[in-house]
Amino acid sequence: MSLLLEGKRAFISGGTRGIGAAMCEVFAREGADVAFSYNRRDDLAAEVTQQINAHGRRAHAFKISITDRVGMKRITRQLVEEWGGIDILVNNAAINRGDNFATTTDRAWDEVIDTNVNSLFAVTKPIYKQMIRQRSGAILNITSVGAIRALPTSVHYATSKAAMIGFTKCLSREAANFGVSVNAIAAGIFSTDLAHTLPERLIQMHEFWVSKGRMGRPEELAEYAAFMVSDRNSFMNGEIVIVDGGAVT
């Protein structure tokens, strides 16, 4: 059987850490050329690039803010010129600021909403427009179970991830007219830098209420993500798939 993503060209936002880095490697292993964005760590970007190249695939790292609309248009044009197009987009990059709603500052609210919500427009629109022109593509958005359930997470983060669900569902209907699918994964708690900033008490509670009894590994989500954006997943559209280790609802 051929690789899941043989010959595909992917762009993943936030590709140097955790789930994003895992998706870069798994997608490359499954046959895709992978471009990714990152914010600060040149050393991590170099490591991910090497991992992609080790699978015999092309890699492209872009140091850019995911809210930079002009920059994302430039990157899209560059990838289309160099690679001939983009088949897969994963909106993965996001931030959180642990706080109670009553003490959330204006700056923290604006920073989380701008990064997690406005980036959906900045990153998706130019790539989506070229997917329309090629009449094919797959968009995957990484949201959170915190947008669905009343979990002890920050209100601004949950709000931004809930916006991603609405974005997914509404865009999926428009995109289907052009052969483009749009789906999302609502992720539980995975072993990432973000998760390790959570209070120890919450981690202990999580291990109790999740039937798997542990945090997820980034590569576990990446494996499923690769299937979701593959041609083998040909009849799913506008869906929010929960991957959280079997949390009690």
Foldseek 3Di string as FASTA:
>chain_A
DAFQQAPAEEEEEAQQWFLNLLLLLNNLLSHYAYEYEDADDPPSVVVSQVSSVVSVHHYHYHHDQLLPQVVLLVVQVVCCVVVVAHAEYEHEDADFDFDEPVPDDPVRLCVRLSRLASSCCSNPPNRLVRCLVVLHHEYEYEAACLLVDVDPGYPSNSVSSVNVLVVQQVVQVVSVVSHYAGEYEHEAAAPIPVNVVDDPVSQCVLLVQAPQSHHHGSNVVSVVVSNCGGVVVPPDHSYYHYDYRHGDD
